[in-house]
Amino acid sequence: MAYKHILVHLDSSPHVEARLDAAIGLAQRHGAFLRGLFAQGDRSATSVIARRPSDHLVEAAARSETLFNEKLAASGLQGQWHGLTHGEYNHVIREVIIWSRFADLTVLGQYDRDAGQLAAPEELNEQVVLNSGRPALVIPYAGKFPVIGKRIAVAWNAEREAARALSDAMPMIEKASEVTVITVLTQASSSVPETPRVGLLDHLTLHGVTAEQTHFTVTDIGAMDALLARSMDTGADLLVMGAHGHYGFPFLHRGSGTRHVLRTCPVPLLLSH
């Protein structure tokens, strides 16, 4: 298995080059076509109302195209750059969702509040994850990640979203050197066994993957931070987990946990819904 068509979201944030480098590394590893999509909000209110790009957005798009094409040429990959026609907030989100549906994997950047108007809309990552029907790989804004997927942590609770994420990540899981399956049980669920009792490690073995499994129990409120801490303990350079859209609850299996991990995960994060 391999990703053959990777989409990377581009903007003017100071972290975009590290994101593009990460996408190029993945595309090289999987022999993928790399498509770059420049999409960000427009700081000009007049242009947003008129639904045309401001001079600032046109200049930012030109810089993005130059950066993408230079790195693409140096990488030896096949690819193509595209830019949205304007930067109205909802248009940016809607278009990135649609473009993502035509790719095997979409590479996004973790939201950085300090980047302000140079970055994409704050809700972009969540909306792409929940509405594209494709897996999204979110690159943290702090650090560089030339290698992604050598040591993988898989968050597992036997729910639909976790199963979807596991399947969507299989092209990377099959190439990994180490895989650790992490099951986080809340105190409310710790006494309830998985039904049916199917061994996930046995399933991975059929894909040629030798994995380890660990589980622990936490309070509901601390579940996501505990998961991130355990992932870091394994030395993971990628965390795979299912995303949930039911916001407003602090439990592991609710959407507020997805939002929290999207904003705070210190390693690349592959999410599926």
Protein backbone atom coordinates (compact mmCIF):
# COMPACT_ATOMS: atom_id res chain seq x y z
CA MET A 1 0.00 0.00 0.00
CA ALA A 2 1.12 3.56 -0.67
CA TYR A 3 -0.16 7.08 -0.99
CA LYS A 4 -0.02 8.01 -4.67
CA HIS A 5 -1.53 11.48 -4.52
CA ILE A 6 -0.61 13.84 -1.65
CA LEU A 7 -2.07 17.32 -1.22
CA VAL A 8 -0.20 19.87 0.89
CA HIS A 9 -1.88 23.06 2.06
CA LEU A 10 0.26 26.17 1.66
CA ASP A 11 -0.04 29.62 3.18
CA SER A 12 2.26 32.47 4.26
CA SER A 13 2.89 31.28 7.80
CA PRO A 14 6.52 31.05 8.95
CA HIS A 15 6.09 27.26 9.26
CA VAL A 16 5.03 26.53 5.70
CA GLU A 17 8.50 25.52 4.51
CA ALA A 18 8.83 22.83 7.19
CA ARG A 19 5.35 21.59 6.25
CA LEU A 20 6.26 21.46 2.57
CA ASP A 21 9.52 19.64 3.36
CA ALA A 22 7.56 17.06 5.37
CA ALA A 23 5.13 16.56 2.48
CA ILE A 24 8.01 16.17 0.01
CA GLY A 25 9.64 13.55 2.23
CA LEU A 26 6.41 11.56 2.38
CA ALA A 27 5.84 11.87 -1.35
CA GLN A 28 9.36 10.61 -2.04
CA ARG A 29 8.90 7.66 0.30
CA HIS A 30 5.61 6.65 -1.33
CA GLY A 31 6.35 7.61 -4.93
CA ALA A 32 3.46 10.08 -4.85
CA PHE A 33 2.35 12.98 -7.01
CA LEU A 34 2.53 16.12 -4.84
CA ARG A 35 -0.11 18.80 -5.28
CA GLY A 36 0.32 22.15 -3.52
CA LEU A 37 -2.74 24.29 -2.73
CA PHE A 38 -2.22 27.89 -1.64
CA ALA A 39 -5.19 29.02 0.45
CA GLN A 40 -5.35 31.65 3.17
CA GLY A 41 -7.59 34.43 4.35
CA ASP A 42 -7.26 37.87 2.78
CA ARG A 43 -6.41 40.76 5.10
CA SER A 44 -8.18 43.22 2.77
CA ALA A 45 -11.85 43.60 3.71
CA THR A 46 -12.62 45.22 0.35
CA SER A 47 -11.20 42.27 -1.56
CA VAL A 48 -13.08 39.77 0.59
CA ILE A 49 -16.37 41.55 -0.06
CA ALA A 50 -15.62 41.78 -3.78
CA ARG A 51 -14.40 38.15 -3.83
CA ARG A 52 -11.22 39.04 -5.65
CA PRO A 53 -7.65 38.76 -4.36
CA SER A 54 -5.92 41.81 -2.92
CA ASP A 55 -2.48 42.78 -4.15
CA HIS A 56 -1.10 41.34 -0.91
CA LEU A 57 -2.72 37.96 -1.55
CA VAL A 58 -1.54 37.92 -5.17
CA GLU A 59 2.03 38.58 -4.03
CA ALA A 60 1.79 35.91 -1.31
CA ALA A 61 0.50 33.40 -3.86
CA ALA A 62 3.38 34.18 -6.21
CA ARG A 63 5.91 33.60 -3.42
CA SER A 64 4.17 30.33 -2.56
CA GLU A 65 4.28 29.13 -6.17
CA THR A 66 7.99 29.95 -6.44
CA LEU A 67 8.81 28.14 -3.20
CA PHE A 68 6.78 25.08 -4.17
CA ASN A 69 8.21 24.82 -7.68
CA GLU A 70 11.81 25.26 -6.51
CA LYS A 71 11.48 22.54 -3.88
CA LEU A 72 9.55 20.28 -6.26
CA ALA A 73 12.28 20.56 -8.89
CA ALA A 74 14.98 19.77 -6.32
CA SER A 75 13.05 16.76 -5.05
CA GLY A 76 12.66 15.03 -8.41
CA LEU A 77 8.95 14.54 -7.76
CA GLN A 78 6.04 15.09 -10.10
CA GLY A 79 3.62 17.72 -8.84
CA GLN A 80 1.60 20.88 -9.44
CA TRP A 81 0.83 24.12 -7.60
CA HIS A 82 -2.61 25.73 -7.41
CA GLY A 83 -3.90 28.88 -5.74
CA LEU A 84 -7.43 29.86 -4.75
CA THR A 85 -8.96 32.85 -6.50
CA HIS A 86 -9.73 34.77 -3.32
CA GLY A 87 -9.39 34.54 0.44
CA GLU A 88 -12.90 34.77 1.91
CA TYR A 89 -12.91 32.74 5.15
CA ASN A 90 -15.59 30.17 4.31
CA HIS A 91 -14.40 29.87 0.70
CA VAL A 92 -10.93 28.88 1.90
CA ILE A 93 -12.30 26.20 4.22
CA ARG A 94 -14.78 24.84 1.67
CA GLU A 95 -12.25 24.67 -1.15
CA VAL A 96 -9.56 22.91 0.90
CA ILE A 97 -12.17 20.34 1.95
CA ILE A 98 -13.14 19.71 -1.68
CA TRP A 99 -9.54 19.52 -2.92
CA SER A 100 -8.76 17.06 -0.12
CA ARG A 101 -11.39 14.65 -1.41
CA PHE A 102 -9.32 14.14 -4.56
CA ALA A 103 -6.14 13.12 -2.71
CA ASP A 104 -5.04 10.06 -0.74
CA LEU A 105 -3.66 12.21 2.07
CA THR A 106 -3.79 15.92 2.89
CA VAL A 107 -0.90 17.57 4.75
CA LEU A 108 -1.93 20.52 6.92
CA GLY A 109 -0.14 22.78 9.38
CA GLN A 110 -1.04 22.95 13.06
CA TYR A 111 -2.80 26.21 13.83
CA ASP A 112 -0.47 28.84 15.27
CA ARG A 113 -2.25 31.82 16.78
CA ASP A 114 0.92 33.91 16.50
CA ALA A 115 0.90 33.59 12.70
CA GLY A 116 -2.29 35.66 12.54
CA GLN A 117 -3.48 36.59 9.06
CA LEU A 118 -0.52 34.88 7.42
CA ALA A 119 -2.03 31.49 8.25
CA ALA A 120 -5.17 29.68 7.20
CA PRO A 121 -8.48 30.01 9.09
CA GLU A 122 -8.42 28.69 12.65
CA GLU A 123 -11.13 26.10 11.97
CA LEU A 124 -9.55 24.76 8.78
CA ASN A 125 -7.92 21.62 10.17
CA GLU A 126 -10.98 20.48 12.09
CA GLN A 127 -13.29 21.05 9.15
CA VAL A 128 -11.03 19.21 6.70
CA VAL A 129 -10.66 16.26 9.07
CA LEU A 130 -14.40 16.02 9.76
CA ASN A 131 -15.74 16.71 6.27
CA SER A 132 -13.26 15.63 3.59
CA GLY A 133 -13.69 11.88 3.96
CA ARG A 134 -9.91 11.54 3.68
CA PRO A 135 -7.10 11.27 6.23
CA ALA A 136 -5.27 14.44 7.20
CA LEU A 137 -1.70 14.69 8.45
CA VAL A 138 -1.17 17.72 10.70
CA ILE A 139 2.41 18.97 11.06
CA PRO A 140 3.22 20.80 14.34
CA TYR A 141 4.20 24.44 14.01
CA ALA A 142 7.21 23.92 16.27
CA GLY A 143 10.11 21.88 14.91
CA LYS A 144 11.05 20.14 11.68
CA PHE A 145 10.03 16.61 10.75
CA PRO A 146 12.17 15.20 7.94
CA VAL A 147 11.22 11.63 8.94
CA ILE A 148 7.57 10.79 9.62
CA GLY A 149 6.35 7.27 10.24
CA LYS A 150 9.48 5.43 11.35
CA ARG A 151 8.10 5.05 14.89
CA ILE A 152 4.30 5.15 15.00
CA ALA A 153 1.91 5.32 17.95
CA VAL A 154 -1.68 4.24 17.23
CA ALA A 155 -4.44 5.40 19.58
CA TRP A 156 -6.95 2.55 19.76
CA ASN A 157 -10.34 2.24 21.42
CA ALA A 158 -12.04 -0.14 18.93
CA GLU A 159 -14.48 2.56 17.79
CA ARG A 160 -15.33 3.37 14.17
CA GLU A 161 -13.06 6.40 13.93
CA ALA A 162 -10.08 4.52 15.34
CA ALA A 163 -10.60 1.69 12.84
CA ARG A 164 -10.83 4.19 10.01
CA ALA A 165 -7.62 5.94 11.08
CA LEU A 166 -5.79 2.62 11.38
CA SER A 167 -6.79 1.66 7.84
CA ASP A 168 -5.97 5.10 6.42
CA ALA A 169 -2.53 5.04 8.06
CA MET A 170 -1.67 1.52 6.89
CA PRO A 171 0.61 2.70 4.05
CA MET A 172 2.85 4.28 6.70
CA ILE A 173 2.31 1.59 9.33
CA GLU A 174 3.51 -1.10 6.92
CA LYS A 175 6.75 0.84 6.34
CA ALA A 176 7.38 1.65 10.03
CA SER A 177 10.26 0.28 12.10
CA GLU A 178 8.27 0.40 15.35
CA VAL A 179 4.52 0.46 16.01
CA THR A 180 2.94 0.85 19.44
CA VAL A 181 -0.80 0.51 19.95
CA ILE A 182 -1.98 2.67 22.85
CA THR A 183 -5.36 2.07 24.46
CA VAL A 184 -6.44 4.78 26.87
CA LEU A 185 -9.26 3.68 29.17
CA THR A 186 -11.22 6.20 31.18
CA GLN A 187 -12.26 5.19 34.67
CA ALA A 188 -15.83 4.88 33.45
CA SER A 189 -14.87 2.38 30.73
CA SER A 190 -11.93 0.53 32.27
CA SER A 191 -14.06 -2.42 33.43
CA VAL A 192 -15.76 -2.93 30.06
CA PRO A 193 -13.85 -5.30 27.74
CA GLU A 194 -13.72 -4.88 23.97
CA THR A 195 -16.46 -6.81 22.21
CA PRO A 196 -15.77 -8.86 20.21
CA ARG A 197 -12.35 -9.77 21.57
CA VAL A 198 -10.38 -9.38 18.35
CA GLY A 199 -6.62 -9.01 18.59
CA LEU A 200 -5.41 -5.87 16.87
CA LEU A 201 -1.83 -7.13 16.97
CA ASP A 202 -2.95 -10.24 15.08
CA HIS A 203 -4.57 -8.04 12.46
CA LEU A 204 -1.38 -6.01 12.07
CA THR A 205 0.68 -9.20 11.82
CA LEU A 206 -1.32 -10.14 8.72
CA HIS A 207 -0.01 -6.88 7.20
CA GLY A 208 3.54 -7.84 8.08
CA VAL A 209 3.64 -5.45 11.03
CA THR A 210 5.04 -6.44 14.41
CA ALA A 211 3.59 -4.14 17.05
CA GLU A 212 3.56 -3.71 20.79
CA GLN A 213 0.47 -2.85 22.81
CA THR A 214 0.05 -0.80 25.97
CA HIS A 215 -2.96 0.44 27.88
CA PHE A 216 -3.62 2.54 30.94
CA THR A 217 -6.50 4.15 32.80
CA VAL A 218 -6.90 7.89 33.40
CA THR A 219 -9.55 10.31 34.54
CA ASP A 220 -11.75 11.57 31.70
CA ILE A 221 -10.39 15.10 31.77
CA GLY A 222 -6.75 14.03 31.54
CA ALA A 223 -7.20 11.44 28.81
CA MET A 224 -5.86 13.38 25.84
CA ASP A 225 -2.82 14.76 27.64
CA ALA A 226 -2.07 11.25 28.92
CA LEU A 227 -2.29 9.91 25.38
CA LEU A 228 0.12 12.57 24.10
CA ALA A 229 2.52 11.91 26.96
CA ARG A 230 2.51 8.15 26.36
CA SER A 231 3.06 8.73 22.64
CA MET A 232 6.09 10.86 23.43
CA ASP A 233 7.35 8.17 25.82
CA THR A 234 7.41 5.66 22.93
CA GLY A 235 9.58 8.03 20.88
CA ALA A 236 6.87 8.25 18.21
CA ASP A 237 7.36 10.53 15.23
CA LEU A 238 3.70 10.02 14.23
CA LEU A 239 0.47 9.61 16.21
CA VAL A 240 -2.50 7.97 14.46
CA MET A 241 -5.98 8.45 15.91
CA GLY A 242 -9.64 8.74 15.04
CA ALA A 243 -11.26 12.18 15.09
CA HIS A 244 -14.64 12.90 16.61
CA GLY A 245 -16.98 15.78 15.90
CA HIS A 246 -19.19 15.96 18.98
CA TYR A 247 -17.82 19.06 20.64
CA GLY A 248 -18.50 20.15 24.18
CA PHE A 249 -17.54 17.05 26.18
CA PRO A 250 -14.18 16.54 27.92
CA PHE A 251 -14.08 12.76 27.41
CA LEU A 252 -11.57 10.92 25.26
CA HIS A 253 -14.22 9.80 22.76
CA ARG A 254 -15.67 13.29 22.25
CA GLY A 255 -14.75 16.03 19.82
CA SER A 256 -13.27 18.43 22.32
CA GLY A 257 -10.49 15.87 22.71
CA THR A 258 -9.92 15.99 18.96
CA ARG A 259 -9.70 19.77 19.07
CA HIS A 260 -7.28 19.65 22.01
CA VAL A 261 -4.92 17.18 20.37
CA LEU A 262 -5.04 19.11 17.08
CA ARG A 263 -3.83 22.24 18.87
CA THR A 264 -1.27 20.64 21.20
CA CYS A 265 0.15 17.47 19.62
CA PRO A 266 3.96 17.88 19.52
CA VAL A 267 4.49 15.27 16.78
CA PRO A 268 2.86 14.83 13.36
CA LEU A 269 -0.72 13.64 13.76
CA LEU A 270 -2.72 11.54 11.29
CA LEU A 271 -6.45 11.93 11.85
CA SER A 272 -9.44 10.26 10.19
CA HIS A 273 -13.14 10.63 10.82
